[in-house]
Amino acid sequence: VTNQFASFGLTIDPSLSYTPQTGFPNITGNTLGNFSPSVSGPVTLKFASSLTAAGFNMVSNSSTYSFQALLGGVVIESFQSAVGSSSASNFYGFTGSNFDAIRINNLSGDSYLIDNVQLGVTSAVPEPATWAMMLLGLGFVGGSLRSRRRQRTAVSFG
């Protein structure tokens, strides 16, 4: 599969096909699907780092699916839903918990399409540049306090 989401840190296991589709609400252009080649078991959307929100549009032939948010391979949150092919509100995902993967399990063995993957806010782990700026700021605050303390002790009342 050509993974249009690899630059966002998303990998899909096993790979889904990447083909143009038309005629479905919220599914346009190139989409991900399980039917060519056929993928019969669960598919996992794996993220490079933990997220607090992610979702996607999905259509199927009114089959029931299980959706699980995982963190380190452990199920954090899950739900089941019937996924149809004609509803414009077929948007599924998770928000509010830290997770690093979403497992989609097709309980009916039917074909489906996924499009418009949206990744939300990542967990609060500062990047190295953020750490450097924070340490530099703390250094300035410490230097400022030390300078004030020296100025106070140099003044004498007589």
N, C-alpha and C. Protein backbone atom coordinates (compact mmCIF):
# COMPACT_ATOMS: atom_id res chain seq x y z
N VAL A 1 0.83 -1.17 0.00
CA VAL A 1 0.00 0.00 0.00
C VAL A 1 0.89 1.24 0.00
N THR A 2 0.50 2.23 -0.75
CA THR A 2 1.13 3.53 -0.66
C THR A 2 0.53 4.21 0.55
N ASN A 3 1.34 4.50 1.53
CA ASN A 3 0.81 5.05 2.78
C ASN A 3 0.86 6.56 2.76
N GLN A 4 -0.25 7.19 2.47
CA GLN A 4 -0.31 8.64 2.41
C GLN A 4 -0.17 9.29 3.78
N PHE A 5 -0.20 8.51 4.85
CA PHE A 5 -0.14 9.05 6.20
C PHE A 5 1.20 8.80 6.88
N ALA A 6 2.17 8.19 6.19
CA ALA A 6 3.46 7.87 6.81
C ALA A 6 4.16 9.12 7.34
N SER A 7 4.02 10.24 6.66
CA SER A 7 4.68 11.46 7.12
C SER A 7 4.09 11.97 8.44
N PHE A 8 2.90 11.51 8.80
CA PHE A 8 2.28 11.88 10.07
C PHE A 8 2.60 10.87 11.17
N GLY A 9 3.44 9.89 10.88
CA GLY A 9 3.78 8.88 11.88
C GLY A 9 2.75 7.79 12.01
N LEU A 10 1.97 7.53 10.96
CA LEU A 10 0.93 6.50 10.99
C LEU A 10 1.32 5.35 10.08
N THR A 11 1.30 4.15 10.63
CA THR A 11 1.48 2.94 9.84
C THR A 11 0.25 2.07 10.04
N ILE A 12 0.00 1.18 9.08
CA ILE A 12 -1.19 0.35 9.11
C ILE A 12 -0.76 -1.11 8.99
N ASP A 13 -1.25 -1.95 9.91
CA ASP A 13 -0.85 -3.35 9.95
C ASP A 13 -2.07 -4.25 10.06
N PRO A 14 -2.30 -5.17 9.13
CA PRO A 14 -1.59 -5.31 7.87
C PRO A 14 -1.98 -4.20 6.90
N SER A 15 -1.21 -4.08 5.85
CA SER A 15 -1.43 -3.00 4.88
C SER A 15 -2.79 -3.11 4.22
N LEU A 16 -3.37 -1.96 3.93
CA LEU A 16 -4.63 -1.90 3.21
C LEU A 16 -4.36 -1.41 1.80
N SER A 17 -5.28 -1.67 0.88
CA SER A 17 -5.11 -1.17 -0.49
C SER A 17 -5.34 0.33 -0.50
N TYR A 18 -4.83 0.99 -1.51
CA TYR A 18 -4.90 2.45 -1.63
C TYR A 18 -5.42 2.73 -3.02
N THR A 19 -6.73 2.99 -3.13
CA THR A 19 -7.36 3.12 -4.45
C THR A 19 -8.36 4.27 -4.48
N PRO A 20 -8.62 4.82 -5.66
CA PRO A 20 -9.64 5.86 -5.77
C PRO A 20 -11.04 5.25 -5.65
N GLN A 21 -11.93 5.95 -4.95
CA GLN A 21 -13.31 5.50 -4.78
C GLN A 21 -14.25 6.68 -4.97
N THR A 22 -15.45 6.41 -5.41
CA THR A 22 -16.47 7.45 -5.56
C THR A 22 -17.82 6.91 -5.11
N GLY A 23 -18.75 7.82 -4.85
CA GLY A 23 -20.13 7.42 -4.55
C GLY A 23 -20.45 7.22 -3.09
N PHE A 24 -19.52 7.49 -2.19
CA PHE A 24 -19.77 7.33 -0.76
C PHE A 24 -19.65 8.68 -0.06
N PRO A 25 -20.50 8.97 0.91
CA PRO A 25 -20.39 10.23 1.64
C PRO A 25 -19.06 10.32 2.40
N ASN A 26 -18.39 11.46 2.31
CA ASN A 26 -17.14 11.75 3.01
C ASN A 26 -15.98 10.84 2.59
N ILE A 27 -16.12 10.12 1.52
CA ILE A 27 -15.06 9.25 1.00
C ILE A 27 -14.77 9.74 -0.42
N THR A 28 -13.62 10.35 -0.62
CA THR A 28 -13.30 10.90 -1.93
C THR A 28 -11.86 10.61 -2.30
N GLY A 29 -11.58 10.57 -3.58
CA GLY A 29 -10.20 10.39 -4.04
C GLY A 29 -9.64 9.05 -3.60
N ASN A 30 -8.34 9.05 -3.30
CA ASN A 30 -7.69 7.83 -2.86
C ASN A 30 -8.07 7.50 -1.43
N THR A 31 -8.45 6.25 -1.20
CA THR A 31 -8.88 5.80 0.12
C THR A 31 -8.15 4.52 0.50
N LEU A 32 -8.22 4.16 1.75
CA LEU A 32 -7.67 2.89 2.23
C LEU A 32 -8.81 1.90 2.34
N GLY A 33 -8.57 0.66 1.93
CA GLY A 33 -9.61 -0.35 2.02
C GLY A 33 -9.02 -1.73 2.21
N ASN A 34 -9.86 -2.71 2.57
CA ASN A 34 -9.39 -4.06 2.89
C ASN A 34 -9.74 -5.09 1.82
N PHE A 35 -10.20 -4.66 0.65
CA PHE A 35 -10.75 -5.65 -0.27
C PHE A 35 -9.85 -6.02 -1.44
N SER A 36 -8.76 -5.36 -1.65
CA SER A 36 -7.89 -5.71 -2.78
C SER A 36 -6.45 -5.38 -2.42
N PRO A 37 -5.67 -6.23 -1.79
CA PRO A 37 -6.01 -7.61 -1.44
C PRO A 37 -6.92 -7.67 -0.23
N SER A 38 -7.61 -8.78 -0.09
CA SER A 38 -8.56 -8.95 1.00
C SER A 38 -7.84 -9.07 2.34
N VAL A 39 -8.32 -8.33 3.33
CA VAL A 39 -7.80 -8.42 4.70
C VAL A 39 -8.99 -8.85 5.56
N SER A 40 -8.92 -10.04 6.15
CA SER A 40 -10.08 -10.55 6.88
C SER A 40 -10.03 -10.31 8.38
N GLY A 41 -8.86 -10.16 8.95
CA GLY A 41 -8.75 -9.98 10.40
C GLY A 41 -8.72 -8.52 10.79
N PRO A 42 -8.38 -8.25 12.05
CA PRO A 42 -8.31 -6.87 12.50
C PRO A 42 -7.19 -6.10 11.79
N VAL A 43 -7.39 -4.81 11.66
CA VAL A 43 -6.39 -3.90 11.11
C VAL A 43 -6.06 -2.89 12.19
N THR A 44 -4.79 -2.59 12.36
CA THR A 44 -4.37 -1.67 13.40
C THR A 44 -3.72 -0.44 12.80
N LEU A 45 -4.22 0.74 13.17
CA LEU A 45 -3.61 2.00 12.82
C LEU A 45 -2.63 2.32 13.94
N LYS A 46 -1.33 2.32 13.64
CA LYS A 46 -0.30 2.53 14.67
C LYS A 46 0.29 3.92 14.50
N PHE A 47 0.40 4.64 15.61
CA PHE A 47 0.92 6.01 15.60
C PHE A 47 2.33 6.02 16.18
N ALA A 48 3.19 6.90 15.67
CA ALA A 48 4.58 6.98 16.10
C ALA A 48 4.70 7.40 17.56
N SER A 49 3.76 8.17 18.05
CA SER A 49 3.75 8.58 19.46
C SER A 49 2.31 8.54 19.95
N SER A 50 2.14 8.62 21.25
CA SER A 50 0.78 8.55 21.77
C SER A 50 0.02 9.84 21.45
N LEU A 51 -1.27 9.68 21.23
CA LEU A 51 -2.17 10.78 20.90
C LEU A 51 -3.28 10.84 21.93
N THR A 52 -4.00 11.95 21.93
CA THR A 52 -5.20 12.04 22.76
C THR A 52 -6.45 12.14 21.90
N ALA A 53 -6.28 12.21 20.57
CA ALA A 53 -7.44 12.26 19.68
C ALA A 53 -7.04 11.80 18.29
N ALA A 54 -7.86 10.97 17.69
CA ALA A 54 -7.68 10.54 16.30
C ALA A 54 -9.01 9.99 15.81
N GLY A 55 -9.30 10.20 14.52
CA GLY A 55 -10.53 9.70 13.95
C GLY A 55 -10.42 9.57 12.45
N PHE A 56 -11.46 9.02 11.83
CA PHE A 56 -11.46 8.78 10.39
C PHE A 56 -12.89 8.53 9.93
N ASN A 57 -13.13 8.79 8.64
CA ASN A 57 -14.39 8.42 8.01
C ASN A 57 -14.28 6.97 7.57
N MET A 58 -15.39 6.25 7.63
CA MET A 58 -15.38 4.83 7.26
C MET A 58 -16.74 4.45 6.70
N VAL A 59 -16.75 3.65 5.65
CA VAL A 59 -17.99 3.11 5.09
C VAL A 59 -17.85 1.61 4.91
N SER A 60 -18.98 0.92 4.99
CA SER A 60 -19.05 -0.52 4.80
C SER A 60 -20.48 -0.86 4.40
N ASN A 61 -20.76 -2.13 4.23
CA ASN A 61 -22.11 -2.57 3.86
C ASN A 61 -22.92 -2.90 5.11
N SER A 62 -23.10 -1.92 5.98
CA SER A 62 -23.88 -2.08 7.21
C SER A 62 -23.41 -3.26 8.05
N SER A 63 -22.11 -3.36 8.23
CA SER A 63 -21.52 -4.40 9.05
C SER A 63 -21.20 -3.86 10.43
N THR A 64 -21.05 -4.76 11.40
CA THR A 64 -20.70 -4.36 12.76
C THR A 64 -19.19 -4.46 12.94
N TYR A 65 -18.62 -3.42 13.56
CA TYR A 65 -17.18 -3.34 13.79
C TYR A 65 -16.91 -3.08 15.26
N SER A 66 -15.77 -3.56 15.70
CA SER A 66 -15.26 -3.26 17.03
C SER A 66 -14.09 -2.31 16.85
N PHE A 67 -14.08 -1.20 17.61
CA PHE A 67 -13.01 -0.22 17.57
C PHE A 67 -12.35 -0.21 18.94
N GLN A 68 -11.01 -0.34 18.98
CA GLN A 68 -10.29 -0.37 20.24
C GLN A 68 -9.14 0.63 20.21
N ALA A 69 -9.02 1.46 21.25
CA ALA A 69 -7.86 2.33 21.43
C ALA A 69 -6.86 1.56 22.30
N LEU A 70 -5.60 1.50 21.86
CA LEU A 70 -4.57 0.73 22.56
C LEU A 70 -3.43 1.64 22.99
N LEU A 71 -2.83 1.31 24.10
CA LEU A 71 -1.60 1.96 24.56
C LEU A 71 -0.64 0.86 24.97
N GLY A 72 0.45 0.73 24.22
CA GLY A 72 1.40 -0.34 24.50
C GLY A 72 0.80 -1.72 24.35
N GLY A 73 -0.16 -1.87 23.45
CA GLY A 73 -0.80 -3.16 23.20
C GLY A 73 -1.96 -3.48 24.15
N VAL A 74 -2.22 -2.62 25.12
CA VAL A 74 -3.31 -2.84 26.09
C VAL A 74 -4.51 -2.00 25.68
N VAL A 75 -5.70 -2.62 25.69
CA VAL A 75 -6.92 -1.91 25.33
C VAL A 75 -7.25 -0.88 26.41
N ILE A 76 -7.35 0.38 26.00
CA ILE A 76 -7.66 1.48 26.91
C ILE A 76 -9.15 1.80 26.87
N GLU A 77 -9.72 1.74 25.66
CA GLU A 77 -11.13 2.09 25.46
C GLU A 77 -11.61 1.32 24.24
N SER A 78 -12.91 0.97 24.19
CA SER A 78 -13.44 0.26 23.02
C SER A 78 -14.94 0.50 22.87
N PHE A 79 -15.43 0.29 21.66
CA PHE A 79 -16.85 0.35 21.39
C PHE A 79 -17.14 -0.44 20.12
N GLN A 80 -18.41 -0.80 19.90
CA GLN A 80 -18.85 -1.46 18.68
C GLN A 80 -19.85 -0.56 17.99
N SER A 81 -19.88 -0.65 16.65
CA SER A 81 -20.82 0.15 15.90
C SER A 81 -21.11 -0.51 14.56
N ALA A 82 -22.35 -0.35 14.10
CA ALA A 82 -22.69 -0.74 12.74
C ALA A 82 -22.20 0.38 11.82
N VAL A 83 -21.50 0.02 10.78
CA VAL A 83 -20.96 0.99 9.83
C VAL A 83 -21.69 0.80 8.50
N GLY A 84 -22.37 1.84 8.05
CA GLY A 84 -23.12 1.77 6.80
C GLY A 84 -22.37 2.45 5.66
N SER A 85 -22.99 2.44 4.49
CA SER A 85 -22.34 3.02 3.30
C SER A 85 -23.00 4.31 2.84
N SER A 86 -24.12 4.71 3.44
CA SER A 86 -24.83 5.88 2.92
C SER A 86 -24.91 7.05 3.89
N SER A 87 -24.41 6.89 5.10
CA SER A 87 -24.50 7.97 6.08
C SER A 87 -23.33 8.93 5.94
N ALA A 88 -23.63 10.23 5.95
CA ALA A 88 -22.58 11.24 5.88
C ALA A 88 -21.90 11.44 7.23
N SER A 89 -22.38 10.79 8.28
CA SER A 89 -21.79 10.96 9.61
C SER A 89 -21.00 9.75 10.06
N ASN A 90 -20.45 8.98 9.13
CA ASN A 90 -19.66 7.81 9.46
C ASN A 90 -18.25 8.22 9.87
N PHE A 91 -18.12 8.85 11.04
CA PHE A 91 -16.83 9.29 11.55
C PHE A 91 -16.59 8.57 12.87
N TYR A 92 -15.47 7.87 12.98
CA TYR A 92 -15.18 7.04 14.14
C TYR A 92 -13.80 7.39 14.68
N GLY A 93 -13.61 7.22 15.97
CA GLY A 93 -12.33 7.48 16.57
C GLY A 93 -12.42 7.59 18.08
N PHE A 94 -11.35 8.12 18.67
CA PHE A 94 -11.25 8.24 20.11
C PHE A 94 -10.71 9.61 20.48
N THR A 95 -11.08 10.08 21.66
CA THR A 95 -10.57 11.33 22.18
C THR A 95 -10.59 11.29 23.70
N GLY A 96 -9.65 11.98 24.33
CA GLY A 96 -9.65 12.10 25.78
C GLY A 96 -8.74 11.14 26.52
N SER A 97 -8.25 10.10 25.88
CA SER A 97 -7.35 9.14 26.51
C SER A 97 -6.05 9.11 25.71
N ASN A 98 -4.95 8.76 26.37
CA ASN A 98 -3.69 8.56 25.64
C ASN A 98 -3.72 7.18 24.99
N PHE A 99 -3.41 7.12 23.71
CA PHE A 99 -3.34 5.84 23.00
C PHE A 99 -2.31 5.96 21.89
N ASP A 100 -1.77 4.81 21.46
CA ASP A 100 -0.79 4.82 20.37
C ASP A 100 -1.22 3.94 19.20
N ALA A 101 -2.43 3.41 19.24
CA ALA A 101 -2.94 2.59 18.14
C ALA A 101 -4.46 2.50 18.23
N ILE A 102 -5.09 2.29 17.08
CA ILE A 102 -6.52 2.00 17.00
C ILE A 102 -6.68 0.71 16.21
N ARG A 103 -7.32 -0.28 16.82
CA ARG A 103 -7.58 -1.56 16.15
C ARG A 103 -9.02 -1.56 15.67
N ILE A 104 -9.19 -1.90 14.38
CA ILE A 104 -10.52 -2.02 13.77
C ILE A 104 -10.73 -3.49 13.47
N ASN A 105 -11.75 -4.08 14.08
CA ASN A 105 -12.03 -5.49 13.87
C ASN A 105 -13.37 -5.63 13.17
N ASN A 106 -13.34 -6.16 11.97
CA ASN A 106 -14.52 -6.37 11.16
C ASN A 106 -15.21 -7.64 11.65
N LEU A 107 -16.30 -7.50 12.39
CA LEU A 107 -16.97 -8.66 12.98
C LEU A 107 -17.81 -9.43 11.98
N SER A 108 -18.05 -8.86 10.80
CA SER A 108 -18.88 -9.52 9.80
C SER A 108 -18.11 -9.99 8.57
N GLY A 109 -16.81 -9.73 8.51
CA GLY A 109 -16.01 -10.16 7.37
C GLY A 109 -16.31 -9.39 6.10
N ASP A 110 -16.82 -8.17 6.20
CA ASP A 110 -17.21 -7.38 5.05
C ASP A 110 -16.09 -6.44 4.62
N SER A 111 -16.21 -5.87 3.44
CA SER A 111 -15.25 -4.89 2.94
C SER A 111 -15.56 -3.51 3.49
N TYR A 112 -14.54 -2.66 3.59
CA TYR A 112 -14.73 -1.30 4.09
C TYR A 112 -13.71 -0.36 3.47
N LEU A 113 -13.99 0.92 3.59
CA LEU A 113 -13.09 1.98 3.13
C LEU A 113 -12.86 2.96 4.27
N ILE A 114 -11.65 3.49 4.37
CA ILE A 114 -11.29 4.49 5.37
C ILE A 114 -10.74 5.71 4.64
N ASP A 115 -11.13 6.90 5.07
CA ASP A 115 -10.63 8.14 4.46
C ASP A 115 -10.60 9.23 5.53
N ASN A 116 -9.96 10.33 5.22
CA ASN A 116 -9.93 11.52 6.07
C ASN A 116 -9.44 11.21 7.48
N VAL A 117 -8.32 10.50 7.58
CA VAL A 117 -7.73 10.24 8.89
C VAL A 117 -7.27 11.56 9.48
N GLN A 118 -7.69 11.82 10.72
CA GLN A 118 -7.31 13.05 11.40
C GLN A 118 -6.65 12.71 12.72
N LEU A 119 -5.46 13.27 12.92
CA LEU A 119 -4.72 13.03 14.15
C LEU A 119 -4.85 14.26 15.03
N GLY A 120 -5.17 14.03 16.29
CA GLY A 120 -5.40 15.14 17.22
C GLY A 120 -4.16 15.52 17.98
N VAL A 121 -4.37 16.07 19.15
CA VAL A 121 -3.30 16.58 19.99
C VAL A 121 -2.46 15.43 20.50
N THR A 122 -1.15 15.57 20.39
CA THR A 122 -0.26 14.54 20.91
C THR A 122 -0.13 14.71 22.41
N SER A 123 0.32 13.66 23.06
CA SER A 123 0.47 13.74 24.52
C SER A 123 1.54 14.76 24.88
N ALA A 124 1.49 15.24 26.10
CA ALA A 124 2.35 16.34 26.53
C ALA A 124 3.75 15.87 26.88
N VAL A 125 4.54 15.54 25.88
CA VAL A 125 5.94 15.21 26.06
C VAL A 125 6.73 16.26 25.30
N PRO A 126 7.42 17.16 26.02
CA PRO A 126 8.12 18.26 25.34
C PRO A 126 9.23 17.76 24.41
N GLU A 127 9.43 18.48 23.33
CA GLU A 127 10.52 18.18 22.41
C GLU A 127 11.81 18.72 22.99
N PRO A 128 12.98 18.25 22.51
CA PRO A 128 14.26 18.72 23.05
C PRO A 128 14.42 20.24 22.99
N ALA A 129 13.97 20.88 21.93
CA ALA A 129 14.08 22.34 21.83
C ALA A 129 13.26 23.02 22.92
N THR A 130 12.11 22.44 23.25
CA THR A 130 11.28 23.00 24.31
C THR A 130 11.98 22.89 25.65
N TRP A 131 12.62 21.73 25.89
CA TRP A 131 13.38 21.56 27.14
C TRP A 131 14.50 22.60 27.23
N ALA A 132 15.22 22.82 26.13
CA ALA A 132 16.33 23.78 26.12
C ALA A 132 15.83 25.18 26.44
N MET A 133 14.70 25.58 25.82
CA MET A 133 14.16 26.91 26.08
C MET A 133 13.71 27.03 27.54
N MET A 134 13.12 25.97 28.08
CA MET A 134 12.66 26.02 29.46
C MET A 134 13.86 26.15 30.41
N LEU A 135 14.93 25.38 30.17
CA LEU A 135 16.11 25.47 31.02
C LEU A 135 16.77 26.83 30.92
N LEU A 136 16.83 27.39 29.71
CA LEU A 136 17.39 28.72 29.52
C LEU A 136 16.57 29.75 30.28
N GLY A 137 15.26 29.67 30.23
CA GLY A 137 14.38 30.57 30.96
C GLY A 137 14.58 30.46 32.46
N LEU A 138 14.69 29.21 32.96
CA LEU A 138 14.93 29.02 34.39
C LEU A 138 16.28 29.60 34.79
N GLY A 139 17.29 29.48 33.91
CA GLY A 139 18.60 30.07 34.17
C GLY A 139 18.51 31.58 34.29
N PHE A 140 17.75 32.22 33.41
CA PHE A 140 17.57 33.67 33.48
C PHE A 140 16.85 34.08 34.76
N VAL A 141 15.83 33.34 35.15
CA VAL A 141 15.11 33.65 36.38
C VAL A 141 16.05 33.50 37.58
N GLY A 142 16.82 32.40 37.60
CA GLY A 142 17.78 32.20 38.70
C GLY A 142 18.83 33.29 38.75
N GLY A 143 19.36 33.69 37.59
CA GLY A 143 20.34 34.77 37.53
C GLY A 143 19.76 36.08 38.00
N SER A 144 18.53 36.35 37.62
CA SER A 144 17.85 37.58 38.04
C SER A 144 17.67 37.61 39.56
N LEU A 145 17.26 36.51 40.15
CA LEU A 145 17.08 36.44 41.61
C LEU A 145 18.41 36.60 42.33
N ARG A 146 19.45 35.98 41.79
CA ARG A 146 20.77 36.08 42.41
C ARG A 146 21.28 37.52 42.34
N SER A 147 21.05 38.20 41.22
CA SER A 147 21.48 39.59 41.05
C SER A 147 20.75 40.49 42.04
N ARG A 148 19.47 40.27 42.24
CA ARG A 148 18.70 41.08 43.19
C ARG A 148 19.20 40.87 44.61
N ARG A 149 19.55 39.64 44.95
CA ARG A 149 20.03 39.34 46.28
C ARG A 149 21.35 40.06 46.54
N ARG A 150 22.25 40.10 45.53
CA ARG A 150 23.53 40.80 45.68
C ARG A 150 23.32 42.30 45.89
N GLN A 151 22.36 42.87 45.14
CA GLN A 151 22.10 44.30 45.26
C GLN A 151 21.57 44.63 46.65
N ARG A 152 20.78 43.81 47.23
CA ARG A 152 20.22 44.06 48.56
C ARG A 152 21.30 44.00 49.64
N THR A 153 22.21 43.04 49.53
CA THR A 153 23.24 42.93 50.56
C THR A 153 24.28 44.03 50.46
N ALA A 154 24.45 44.65 49.33
CA ALA A 154 25.45 45.71 49.15
C ALA A 154 24.97 47.03 49.77
N VAL A 155 23.71 47.20 49.98
CA VAL A 155 23.18 48.45 50.55
C VAL A 155 23.30 48.35 52.06
N SER A 156 23.87 49.38 52.66
CA SER A 156 24.00 49.38 54.11
C SER A 156 23.29 50.57 54.70
N PHE A 157 22.72 50.38 55.83
CA PHE A 157 22.00 51.45 56.52
C PHE A 157 22.87 51.87 57.71
N GLY A 158 23.10 53.09 57.85
CA GLY A 158 24.02 53.46 58.90
C GLY A 158 23.60 54.49 59.77
